[in-house]
Amino acid sequence: MLAEPLAIPDVLLLTPKVFGDDRGFFYESFNARVFNEVAGLQADFVQDNHSRSTKGVLRGLHYQLPSHAQGKLVRVVQGEVFDVAVDIRRASPTFGKWVGAVLSAENKRQLWIPAGFAHGFVTLSDTAEFLYKTTDFYSPQYERCIAWDDPAIGIEWPIDFTPSLSGKDQLGVALADADCFD
């Protein structure tokens, strides 16, 4: 597995070694020992989630506050998304900055998003199935949402349409008004 730090070095783009031939392919989608070695940490994943979205659905920007903050290891097993992480650690030199990557079933890449980041994605293909591991359980009372289109963050979503949002995501707040990490 190759780990590539993005413009915010705590966020890693992971590319697995894929073995393929005319019959198909095989790769390890997760190996705790290898992940911890390439990421330089000891992650303890406690929950796996699987979502399916149609083209134009935007989910996020979601996060959970301490003491239930979540690191996420995300990937796409069908379709394609543009995935984003926003640094919401006030003491960080990259506070309020974002990084993004296209994740797809074809490229098999994964994104490691540590605690202290808001996360979101938009579906670019007709449908996409999105899988992610988390380092803490879902805790709705600790969950928060930042507006996907906050101009202070300035995410360059690769879309030319108004995305479809859940009711919860329509209530996302500006970064300036968000509960953030110290």
N, C-alpha and C. Protein backbone atom coordinates (compact mmCIF):
# COMPACT_ATOMS: atom_id res chain seq x y z
N MET A 1 0.85 -1.17 0.00
CA MET A 1 0.00 0.00 0.00
C MET A 1 0.89 1.23 0.00
N LEU A 2 0.56 2.17 -0.85
CA LEU A 2 1.28 3.43 -0.94
C LEU A 2 0.47 4.50 -0.21
N ALA A 3 1.13 5.24 0.69
CA ALA A 3 0.47 6.33 1.42
C ALA A 3 1.07 7.65 0.96
N GLU A 4 0.21 8.53 0.44
CA GLU A 4 0.64 9.83 -0.07
C GLU A 4 0.00 10.94 0.76
N PRO A 5 0.81 11.70 1.52
CA PRO A 5 0.24 12.84 2.25
C PRO A 5 -0.27 13.88 1.25
N LEU A 6 -1.41 14.47 1.55
CA LEU A 6 -1.95 15.51 0.69
C LEU A 6 -1.44 16.87 1.17
N ALA A 7 -2.00 17.96 0.67
CA ALA A 7 -1.53 19.30 1.04
C ALA A 7 -1.65 19.55 2.55
N ILE A 8 -2.56 18.88 3.20
CA ILE A 8 -2.61 18.84 4.67
C ILE A 8 -2.06 17.47 5.03
N PRO A 9 -0.82 17.39 5.51
CA PRO A 9 -0.12 16.11 5.62
C PRO A 9 -0.77 15.05 6.52
N ASP A 10 -1.66 15.46 7.43
CA ASP A 10 -2.33 14.48 8.28
C ASP A 10 -3.36 13.66 7.51
N VAL A 11 -3.79 14.16 6.37
CA VAL A 11 -4.76 13.45 5.52
C VAL A 11 -3.96 12.67 4.48
N LEU A 12 -4.20 11.36 4.41
CA LEU A 12 -3.43 10.49 3.53
C LEU A 12 -4.29 9.89 2.43
N LEU A 13 -3.77 9.89 1.21
CA LEU A 13 -4.38 9.19 0.10
C LEU A 13 -3.67 7.85 -0.01
N LEU A 14 -4.43 6.78 0.14
CA LEU A 14 -3.86 5.43 0.16
C LEU A 14 -4.21 4.70 -1.14
N THR A 15 -3.19 4.11 -1.75
CA THR A 15 -3.39 3.34 -2.97
C THR A 15 -2.93 1.91 -2.72
N PRO A 16 -3.85 0.94 -2.81
CA PRO A 16 -3.47 -0.44 -2.53
C PRO A 16 -2.71 -1.07 -3.71
N LYS A 17 -2.00 -2.12 -3.42
CA LYS A 17 -1.37 -2.92 -4.47
C LYS A 17 -2.44 -3.89 -4.97
N VAL A 18 -2.75 -3.78 -6.26
CA VAL A 18 -3.81 -4.59 -6.86
C VAL A 18 -3.18 -5.66 -7.74
N PHE A 19 -3.62 -6.88 -7.55
CA PHE A 19 -3.18 -8.01 -8.36
C PHE A 19 -4.31 -8.36 -9.31
N GLY A 20 -4.05 -8.24 -10.60
CA GLY A 20 -5.11 -8.49 -11.56
C GLY A 20 -4.64 -9.28 -12.76
N ASP A 21 -5.58 -9.96 -13.37
CA ASP A 21 -5.35 -10.65 -14.63
C ASP A 21 -6.68 -10.71 -15.38
N ASP A 22 -6.74 -11.53 -16.43
CA ASP A 22 -7.96 -11.57 -17.23
C ASP A 22 -9.17 -12.13 -16.49
N ARG A 23 -8.95 -12.70 -15.30
CA ARG A 23 -10.05 -13.24 -14.50
C ARG A 23 -10.66 -12.21 -13.56
N GLY A 24 -9.92 -11.11 -13.31
CA GLY A 24 -10.39 -10.11 -12.36
C GLY A 24 -9.24 -9.53 -11.56
N PHE A 25 -9.49 -9.22 -10.29
CA PHE A 25 -8.44 -8.63 -9.46
C PHE A 25 -8.62 -9.07 -8.01
N PHE A 26 -7.56 -8.83 -7.23
CA PHE A 26 -7.56 -9.07 -5.79
C PHE A 26 -6.70 -7.98 -5.16
N TYR A 27 -7.15 -7.46 -4.02
CA TYR A 27 -6.30 -6.60 -3.20
C TYR A 27 -6.81 -6.63 -1.77
N GLU A 28 -5.90 -6.35 -0.84
CA GLU A 28 -6.29 -6.21 0.56
C GLU A 28 -6.86 -4.82 0.73
N SER A 29 -8.15 -4.74 1.02
CA SER A 29 -8.76 -3.42 1.22
C SER A 29 -8.42 -2.86 2.59
N PHE A 30 -8.10 -3.74 3.53
CA PHE A 30 -7.66 -3.28 4.84
C PHE A 30 -6.82 -4.35 5.50
N ASN A 31 -5.69 -3.92 6.04
CA ASN A 31 -4.80 -4.75 6.83
C ASN A 31 -4.30 -3.85 7.95
N ALA A 32 -4.69 -4.14 9.18
CA ALA A 32 -4.37 -3.25 10.31
C ALA A 32 -2.88 -2.99 10.44
N ARG A 33 -2.07 -4.04 10.32
CA ARG A 33 -0.63 -3.87 10.47
C ARG A 33 -0.08 -2.93 9.40
N VAL A 34 -0.45 -3.17 8.15
CA VAL A 34 0.05 -2.34 7.05
C VAL A 34 -0.48 -0.91 7.18
N PHE A 35 -1.78 -0.76 7.47
CA PHE A 35 -2.34 0.59 7.62
C PHE A 35 -1.60 1.37 8.71
N ASN A 36 -1.41 0.76 9.87
CA ASN A 36 -0.74 1.45 10.97
C ASN A 36 0.70 1.80 10.62
N GLU A 37 1.37 0.94 9.85
CA GLU A 37 2.75 1.24 9.44
C GLU A 37 2.78 2.42 8.47
N VAL A 38 1.97 2.40 7.43
CA VAL A 38 2.04 3.47 6.43
C VAL A 38 1.47 4.78 6.96
N ALA A 39 0.49 4.71 7.86
CA ALA A 39 -0.11 5.92 8.43
C ALA A 39 0.69 6.45 9.62
N GLY A 40 1.56 5.62 10.17
CA GLY A 40 2.35 6.04 11.32
C GLY A 40 1.54 6.25 12.57
N LEU A 41 0.53 5.40 12.77
CA LEU A 41 -0.30 5.51 13.97
C LEU A 41 -0.86 4.15 14.34
N GLN A 42 -1.58 4.12 15.43
CA GLN A 42 -2.22 2.90 15.90
C GLN A 42 -3.72 3.15 15.93
N ALA A 43 -4.37 2.95 14.80
CA ALA A 43 -5.82 3.18 14.70
C ALA A 43 -6.58 1.98 15.21
N ASP A 44 -7.64 2.25 15.93
CA ASP A 44 -8.52 1.19 16.43
C ASP A 44 -9.91 1.45 15.85
N PHE A 45 -10.23 0.77 14.77
CA PHE A 45 -11.53 0.97 14.13
C PHE A 45 -12.60 0.17 14.86
N VAL A 46 -13.75 0.81 15.10
CA VAL A 46 -14.81 0.18 15.90
C VAL A 46 -16.12 0.03 15.14
N GLN A 47 -16.24 0.68 13.98
CA GLN A 47 -17.52 0.65 13.27
C GLN A 47 -17.26 0.77 11.78
N ASP A 48 -17.99 -0.01 10.98
CA ASP A 48 -17.97 0.12 9.52
C ASP A 48 -19.32 0.62 9.07
N ASN A 49 -19.32 1.56 8.10
CA ASN A 49 -20.54 2.13 7.56
C ASN A 49 -20.54 1.97 6.04
N HIS A 50 -21.73 1.88 5.48
CA HIS A 50 -21.89 1.68 4.04
C HIS A 50 -23.07 2.54 3.61
N SER A 51 -22.83 3.45 2.66
CA SER A 51 -23.92 4.27 2.15
C SER A 51 -23.98 4.16 0.63
N ARG A 52 -25.15 4.39 0.10
CA ARG A 52 -25.35 4.42 -1.35
C ARG A 52 -26.00 5.75 -1.67
N SER A 53 -25.48 6.41 -2.70
CA SER A 53 -26.00 7.71 -3.09
C SER A 53 -26.14 7.77 -4.61
N THR A 54 -27.08 8.58 -5.06
CA THR A 54 -27.26 8.82 -6.48
C THR A 54 -26.48 10.07 -6.89
N LYS A 55 -26.31 10.24 -8.18
CA LYS A 55 -25.55 11.37 -8.70
C LYS A 55 -26.08 12.68 -8.16
N GLY A 56 -25.15 13.52 -7.73
CA GLY A 56 -25.51 14.84 -7.22
C GLY A 56 -25.75 14.92 -5.74
N VAL A 57 -25.81 13.78 -5.05
CA VAL A 57 -25.98 13.80 -3.60
C VAL A 57 -24.67 14.26 -2.97
N LEU A 58 -24.77 15.24 -2.08
CA LEU A 58 -23.62 15.70 -1.32
C LEU A 58 -23.90 15.43 0.15
N ARG A 59 -22.99 14.74 0.78
CA ARG A 59 -23.10 14.43 2.21
C ARG A 59 -21.98 15.16 2.94
N GLY A 60 -22.35 15.95 3.96
CA GLY A 60 -21.32 16.62 4.74
C GLY A 60 -21.56 18.11 4.79
N LEU A 61 -20.68 18.71 5.46
CA LEU A 61 -19.39 18.33 6.02
C LEU A 61 -19.60 17.90 7.48
N HIS A 62 -19.43 16.62 7.75
CA HIS A 62 -19.75 16.04 9.05
C HIS A 62 -18.51 15.81 9.91
N TYR A 63 -18.72 15.84 11.22
CA TYR A 63 -17.69 15.48 12.19
C TYR A 63 -18.34 15.27 13.54
N GLN A 64 -17.59 14.66 14.44
CA GLN A 64 -18.02 14.50 15.84
C GLN A 64 -17.00 15.16 16.74
N LEU A 65 -17.50 15.81 17.77
CA LEU A 65 -16.65 16.49 18.74
C LEU A 65 -16.03 15.51 19.72
N PRO A 66 -14.92 15.91 20.37
CA PRO A 66 -14.41 15.10 21.48
C PRO A 66 -15.50 15.04 22.55
N SER A 67 -15.68 14.07 23.25
CA SER A 67 -14.89 12.87 23.45
C SER A 67 -15.30 11.72 22.53
N HIS A 68 -15.99 12.02 21.45
CA HIS A 68 -16.39 10.99 20.49
C HIS A 68 -15.95 11.34 19.07
N ALA A 69 -14.83 12.04 18.96
CA ALA A 69 -14.29 12.39 17.64
C ALA A 69 -13.95 11.12 16.88
N GLN A 70 -14.11 11.18 15.58
CA GLN A 70 -13.87 10.01 14.73
C GLN A 70 -12.79 10.27 13.70
N GLY A 71 -11.86 9.33 13.58
CA GLY A 71 -11.02 9.24 12.40
C GLY A 71 -11.78 8.35 11.43
N LYS A 72 -11.62 8.58 10.13
CA LYS A 72 -12.34 7.80 9.12
C LYS A 72 -11.39 7.32 8.04
N LEU A 73 -11.55 6.08 7.66
CA LEU A 73 -10.87 5.51 6.51
C LEU A 73 -11.95 5.22 5.49
N VAL A 74 -11.96 5.97 4.37
CA VAL A 74 -13.08 5.94 3.43
C VAL A 74 -12.66 5.40 2.08
N ARG A 75 -13.62 4.74 1.39
CA ARG A 75 -13.37 4.23 0.05
C ARG A 75 -14.68 4.04 -0.69
N VAL A 76 -14.59 3.89 -1.99
CA VAL A 76 -15.75 3.69 -2.85
C VAL A 76 -15.62 2.31 -3.50
N VAL A 77 -16.69 1.52 -3.43
CA VAL A 77 -16.66 0.18 -4.04
C VAL A 77 -17.51 0.09 -5.30
N GLN A 78 -18.29 1.12 -5.56
CA GLN A 78 -19.05 1.20 -6.80
C GLN A 78 -19.26 2.67 -7.11
N GLY A 79 -18.89 3.09 -8.33
CA GLY A 79 -19.08 4.47 -8.73
C GLY A 79 -17.89 5.35 -8.42
N GLU A 80 -18.18 6.68 -8.29
CA GLU A 80 -17.12 7.67 -8.11
C GLU A 80 -17.64 8.85 -7.30
N VAL A 81 -16.81 9.34 -6.39
CA VAL A 81 -17.13 10.52 -5.59
C VAL A 81 -15.94 11.46 -5.56
N PHE A 82 -16.21 12.71 -5.23
CA PHE A 82 -15.16 13.66 -4.87
C PHE A 82 -15.25 13.80 -3.36
N ASP A 83 -14.19 13.42 -2.67
CA ASP A 83 -14.16 13.34 -1.22
C ASP A 83 -13.32 14.48 -0.65
N VAL A 84 -13.78 15.08 0.44
CA VAL A 84 -13.15 16.29 0.99
C VAL A 84 -12.95 16.16 2.50
N ALA A 85 -11.82 16.67 2.96
CA ALA A 85 -11.54 16.80 4.40
C ALA A 85 -11.18 18.26 4.68
N VAL A 86 -11.76 18.82 5.75
CA VAL A 86 -11.51 20.21 6.14
C VAL A 86 -10.92 20.21 7.55
N ASP A 87 -9.78 20.85 7.71
CA ASP A 87 -9.12 20.93 9.01
C ASP A 87 -9.90 21.89 9.91
N ILE A 88 -10.42 21.37 11.02
CA ILE A 88 -11.17 22.21 11.96
C ILE A 88 -10.50 22.23 13.34
N ARG A 89 -9.18 22.07 13.34
CA ARG A 89 -8.38 22.15 14.57
C ARG A 89 -7.85 23.59 14.66
N ARG A 90 -8.43 24.38 15.57
CA ARG A 90 -8.09 25.81 15.66
C ARG A 90 -6.60 26.07 15.81
N ALA A 91 -5.87 25.22 16.50
CA ALA A 91 -4.44 25.43 16.72
C ALA A 91 -3.58 24.99 15.53
N SER A 92 -4.19 24.42 14.52
CA SER A 92 -3.45 23.91 13.37
C SER A 92 -3.08 25.03 12.39
N PRO A 93 -1.90 24.97 11.80
CA PRO A 93 -1.54 25.97 10.78
C PRO A 93 -2.40 25.85 9.51
N THR A 94 -3.11 24.73 9.37
CA THR A 94 -3.97 24.55 8.19
C THR A 94 -5.46 24.64 8.56
N PHE A 95 -5.77 25.27 9.70
CA PHE A 95 -7.16 25.43 10.12
C PHE A 95 -7.96 26.10 9.00
N GLY A 96 -9.13 25.51 8.68
CA GLY A 96 -10.01 26.08 7.68
C GLY A 96 -9.64 25.72 6.25
N LYS A 97 -8.54 25.02 6.05
CA LYS A 97 -8.11 24.60 4.72
C LYS A 97 -8.73 23.24 4.41
N TRP A 98 -8.80 22.92 3.13
CA TRP A 98 -9.40 21.67 2.69
C TRP A 98 -8.50 20.96 1.70
N VAL A 99 -8.68 19.65 1.62
CA VAL A 99 -8.07 18.82 0.59
C VAL A 99 -9.15 17.91 0.05
N GLY A 100 -8.98 17.48 -1.19
CA GLY A 100 -9.96 16.61 -1.80
C GLY A 100 -9.31 15.65 -2.78
N ALA A 101 -10.01 14.56 -3.05
CA ALA A 101 -9.52 13.56 -4.00
C ALA A 101 -10.71 12.82 -4.59
N VAL A 102 -10.55 12.38 -5.82
CA VAL A 102 -11.55 11.51 -6.44
C VAL A 102 -11.28 10.09 -5.97
N LEU A 103 -12.30 9.47 -5.41
CA LEU A 103 -12.25 8.07 -5.01
C LEU A 103 -13.24 7.32 -5.88
N SER A 104 -12.83 6.16 -6.37
CA SER A 104 -13.72 5.40 -7.24
C SER A 104 -13.47 3.91 -7.10
N ALA A 105 -14.44 3.14 -7.58
CA ALA A 105 -14.25 1.69 -7.62
C ALA A 105 -13.09 1.36 -8.53
N GLU A 106 -12.91 2.16 -9.57
CA GLU A 106 -11.84 1.90 -10.53
C GLU A 106 -10.45 2.16 -9.94
N ASN A 107 -10.25 3.31 -9.27
CA ASN A 107 -8.91 3.61 -8.77
C ASN A 107 -8.61 2.96 -7.42
N LYS A 108 -9.64 2.49 -6.72
CA LYS A 108 -9.50 1.74 -5.46
C LYS A 108 -8.75 2.51 -4.36
N ARG A 109 -8.64 3.81 -4.51
CA ARG A 109 -7.96 4.61 -3.50
C ARG A 109 -8.83 4.79 -2.27
N GLN A 110 -8.15 5.06 -1.15
CA GLN A 110 -8.82 5.33 0.11
C GLN A 110 -8.27 6.63 0.68
N LEU A 111 -9.05 7.27 1.52
CA LEU A 111 -8.60 8.48 2.18
C LEU A 111 -8.66 8.27 3.68
N TRP A 112 -7.57 8.57 4.36
CA TRP A 112 -7.52 8.57 5.82
C TRP A 112 -7.75 10.00 6.28
N ILE A 113 -8.82 10.17 7.07
CA ILE A 113 -9.20 11.49 7.60
C ILE A 113 -9.16 11.38 9.11
N PRO A 114 -8.16 11.98 9.75
CA PRO A 114 -8.07 11.85 11.21
C PRO A 114 -9.13 12.67 11.94
N ALA A 115 -9.30 12.39 13.21
CA ALA A 115 -10.16 13.21 14.06
C ALA A 115 -9.67 14.65 13.99
N GLY A 116 -10.60 15.59 14.06
CA GLY A 116 -10.25 17.00 13.96
C GLY A 116 -10.49 17.56 12.57
N PHE A 117 -11.13 16.74 11.73
CA PHE A 117 -11.46 17.16 10.37
C PHE A 117 -12.94 16.95 10.12
N ALA A 118 -13.53 17.88 9.37
CA ALA A 118 -14.89 17.68 8.86
C ALA A 118 -14.75 16.96 7.53
N HIS A 119 -15.75 16.13 7.22
CA HIS A 119 -15.66 15.28 6.03
C HIS A 119 -16.94 15.36 5.22
N GLY A 120 -16.78 15.31 3.91
CA GLY A 120 -17.94 15.27 3.03
C GLY A 120 -17.57 14.74 1.66
N PHE A 121 -18.58 14.39 0.89
CA PHE A 121 -18.33 13.96 -0.49
C PHE A 121 -19.56 14.23 -1.34
N VAL A 122 -19.31 14.34 -2.65
CA VAL A 122 -20.38 14.47 -3.62
C VAL A 122 -20.26 13.33 -4.61
N THR A 123 -21.40 12.75 -4.97
CA THR A 123 -21.42 11.63 -5.91
C THR A 123 -21.35 12.15 -7.33
N LEU A 124 -20.35 11.66 -8.08
CA LEU A 124 -20.13 12.10 -9.46
C LEU A 124 -20.71 11.13 -10.49
N SER A 125 -20.85 9.86 -10.13
CA SER A 125 -21.38 8.84 -11.04
C SER A 125 -22.89 8.70 -10.81
N ASP A 126 -23.55 7.90 -11.65
CA ASP A 126 -24.99 7.71 -11.51
C ASP A 126 -25.36 7.24 -10.11
N THR A 127 -24.57 6.34 -9.56
CA THR A 127 -24.70 5.91 -8.16
C THR A 127 -23.29 5.65 -7.63
N ALA A 128 -23.17 5.64 -6.32
CA ALA A 128 -21.90 5.30 -5.68
C ALA A 128 -22.18 4.62 -4.35
N GLU A 129 -21.39 3.60 -4.08
CA GLU A 129 -21.44 2.95 -2.76
C GLU A 129 -20.14 3.29 -2.05
N PHE A 130 -20.31 3.84 -0.85
CA PHE A 130 -19.24 4.46 -0.08
C PHE A 130 -19.11 3.68 1.22
N LEU A 131 -17.92 3.21 1.51
CA LEU A 131 -17.66 2.46 2.75
C LEU A 131 -16.66 3.21 3.59
N TYR A 132 -16.89 3.21 4.91
CA TYR A 132 -15.88 3.82 5.77
C TYR A 132 -15.85 3.18 7.14
N LYS A 133 -14.62 3.13 7.64
CA LYS A 133 -14.34 2.65 8.99
C LYS A 133 -14.17 3.87 9.88
N THR A 134 -14.63 3.77 11.13
CA THR A 134 -14.48 4.89 12.07
C THR A 134 -13.78 4.43 13.35
N THR A 135 -13.10 5.38 13.97
CA THR A 135 -12.36 5.07 15.20
C THR A 135 -13.19 5.30 16.46
N ASP A 136 -14.42 5.77 16.30
CA ASP A 136 -15.35 5.86 17.43
C ASP A 136 -16.75 5.61 16.89
N PHE A 137 -17.64 5.27 17.79
CA PHE A 137 -19.01 4.97 17.42
C PHE A 137 -19.78 6.25 17.06
N TYR A 138 -20.81 6.10 16.27
CA TYR A 138 -21.68 7.23 15.95
C TYR A 138 -22.35 7.70 17.23
N SER A 139 -22.25 8.99 17.50
CA SER A 139 -22.83 9.60 18.70
C SER A 139 -23.54 10.88 18.27
N PRO A 140 -24.86 10.80 18.00
CA PRO A 140 -25.57 11.95 17.44
C PRO A 140 -25.46 13.23 18.27
N GLN A 141 -25.35 13.11 19.59
CA GLN A 141 -25.27 14.32 20.40
C GLN A 141 -23.92 15.05 20.22
N TYR A 142 -22.91 14.37 19.66
CA TYR A 142 -21.61 14.98 19.41
C TYR A 142 -21.43 15.35 17.94
N GLU A 143 -22.38 14.97 17.11
CA GLU A 143 -22.27 15.21 15.67
C GLU A 143 -22.54 16.68 15.34
N ARG A 144 -21.78 17.20 14.39
CA ARG A 144 -21.94 18.57 13.91
C ARG A 144 -21.82 18.56 12.39
N CYS A 145 -22.25 19.68 11.78
CA CYS A 145 -22.20 19.80 10.32
C CYS A 145 -21.84 21.24 9.95
N ILE A 146 -20.85 21.36 9.09
CA ILE A 146 -20.45 22.66 8.53
C ILE A 146 -21.03 22.74 7.12
N ALA A 147 -21.45 23.92 6.72
CA ALA A 147 -22.04 24.12 5.39
C ALA A 147 -21.04 23.75 4.29
N TRP A 148 -21.51 22.95 3.36
CA TRP A 148 -20.68 22.46 2.27
C TRP A 148 -20.15 23.58 1.38
N ASP A 149 -20.86 24.71 1.36
CA ASP A 149 -20.52 25.81 0.46
C ASP A 149 -20.05 27.05 1.20
N ASP A 150 -19.52 26.88 2.41
CA ASP A 150 -19.04 28.02 3.19
C ASP A 150 -17.93 28.72 2.40
N PRO A 151 -18.12 29.99 2.02
CA PRO A 151 -17.11 30.68 1.22
C PRO A 151 -15.79 30.88 1.98
N ALA A 152 -15.83 30.85 3.31
CA ALA A 152 -14.58 30.99 4.08
C ALA A 152 -13.67 29.78 3.87
N ILE A 153 -14.25 28.63 3.56
CA ILE A 153 -13.47 27.43 3.27
C ILE A 153 -13.14 27.39 1.78
N GLY A 154 -14.12 27.65 0.94
CA GLY A 154 -13.89 27.74 -0.50
C GLY A 154 -13.60 26.43 -1.20
N ILE A 155 -14.31 25.38 -0.82
CA ILE A 155 -14.10 24.09 -1.48
C ILE A 155 -14.46 24.21 -2.96
N GLU A 156 -13.59 23.72 -3.80
CA GLU A 156 -13.82 23.72 -5.25
C GLU A 156 -14.43 22.38 -5.65
N TRP A 157 -15.72 22.25 -5.41
CA TRP A 157 -16.43 21.02 -5.76
C TRP A 157 -16.45 20.91 -7.30
N PRO A 158 -16.13 19.75 -7.86
CA PRO A 158 -16.10 19.60 -9.33
C PRO A 158 -17.49 19.31 -9.90
N ILE A 159 -18.41 20.22 -9.64
CA ILE A 159 -19.80 20.02 -10.08
C ILE A 159 -20.31 21.29 -10.74
N ASP A 160 -21.26 21.11 -11.64
CA ASP A 160 -21.90 22.25 -12.29
C ASP A 160 -23.40 22.22 -12.06
N PHE A 161 -23.79 21.73 -10.89
CA PHE A 161 -25.20 21.61 -10.53
C PHE A 161 -25.33 21.90 -9.04
N THR A 162 -26.54 22.17 -8.61
CA THR A 162 -26.81 22.33 -7.18
C THR A 162 -26.98 20.93 -6.60
N PRO A 163 -26.16 20.58 -5.60
CA PRO A 163 -26.24 19.22 -5.07
C PRO A 163 -27.51 18.98 -4.26
N SER A 164 -27.84 17.72 -4.13
CA SER A 164 -28.96 17.29 -3.30
C SER A 164 -28.46 17.06 -1.88
N LEU A 165 -29.08 17.73 -0.91
CA LEU A 165 -28.66 17.67 0.49
C LEU A 165 -29.77 17.09 1.36
N SER A 166 -29.38 16.43 2.43
CA SER A 166 -30.35 15.99 3.43
C SER A 166 -30.82 17.22 4.20
N GLY A 167 -31.92 17.07 4.92
CA GLY A 167 -32.40 18.15 5.78
C GLY A 167 -31.34 18.56 6.78
N LYS A 168 -30.66 17.59 7.35
CA LYS A 168 -29.61 17.87 8.33
C LYS A 168 -28.47 18.67 7.70
N ASP A 169 -28.07 18.28 6.49
CA ASP A 169 -26.96 18.97 5.84
C ASP A 169 -27.36 20.38 5.38
N GLN A 170 -28.63 20.61 5.12
CA GLN A 170 -29.09 21.95 4.77
C GLN A 170 -28.94 22.92 5.94
N LEU A 171 -28.83 22.38 7.15
CA LEU A 171 -28.68 23.21 8.35
C LEU A 171 -27.23 23.41 8.76
N GLY A 172 -26.28 22.97 7.91
CA GLY A 172 -24.86 23.14 8.21
C GLY A 172 -24.54 24.61 8.46
N VAL A 173 -23.64 24.86 9.41
CA VAL A 173 -23.29 26.23 9.80
C VAL A 173 -21.96 26.63 9.17
N ALA A 174 -21.71 27.93 9.17
CA ALA A 174 -20.43 28.45 8.70
C ALA A 174 -19.32 28.01 9.64
N LEU A 175 -18.13 27.86 9.11
CA LEU A 175 -16.98 27.49 9.94
C LEU A 175 -16.81 28.48 11.09
N ALA A 176 -17.04 29.76 10.84
CA ALA A 176 -16.90 30.78 11.88
C ALA A 176 -17.84 30.55 13.06
N ASP A 177 -18.95 29.86 12.82
CA ASP A 177 -19.94 29.62 13.87
C ASP A 177 -19.90 28.18 14.40
N ALA A 178 -19.00 27.37 13.86
CA ALA A 178 -18.97 25.94 14.19
C ALA A 178 -18.23 25.66 15.49
N ASP A 179 -18.67 24.61 16.16
CA ASP A 179 -17.89 24.07 17.29
C ASP A 179 -16.70 23.35 16.67
N CYS A 180 -15.50 23.77 17.04
CA CYS A 180 -14.30 23.18 16.45
C CYS A 180 -13.42 22.56 17.52
N PHE A 181 -12.34 21.96 17.10
CA PHE A 181 -11.38 21.35 17.99
C PHE A 181 -10.39 22.43 18.44
N ASP A 182 -9.91 22.33 19.69
CA ASP A 182 -8.92 23.31 20.18
C ASP A 182 -7.57 23.10 19.54
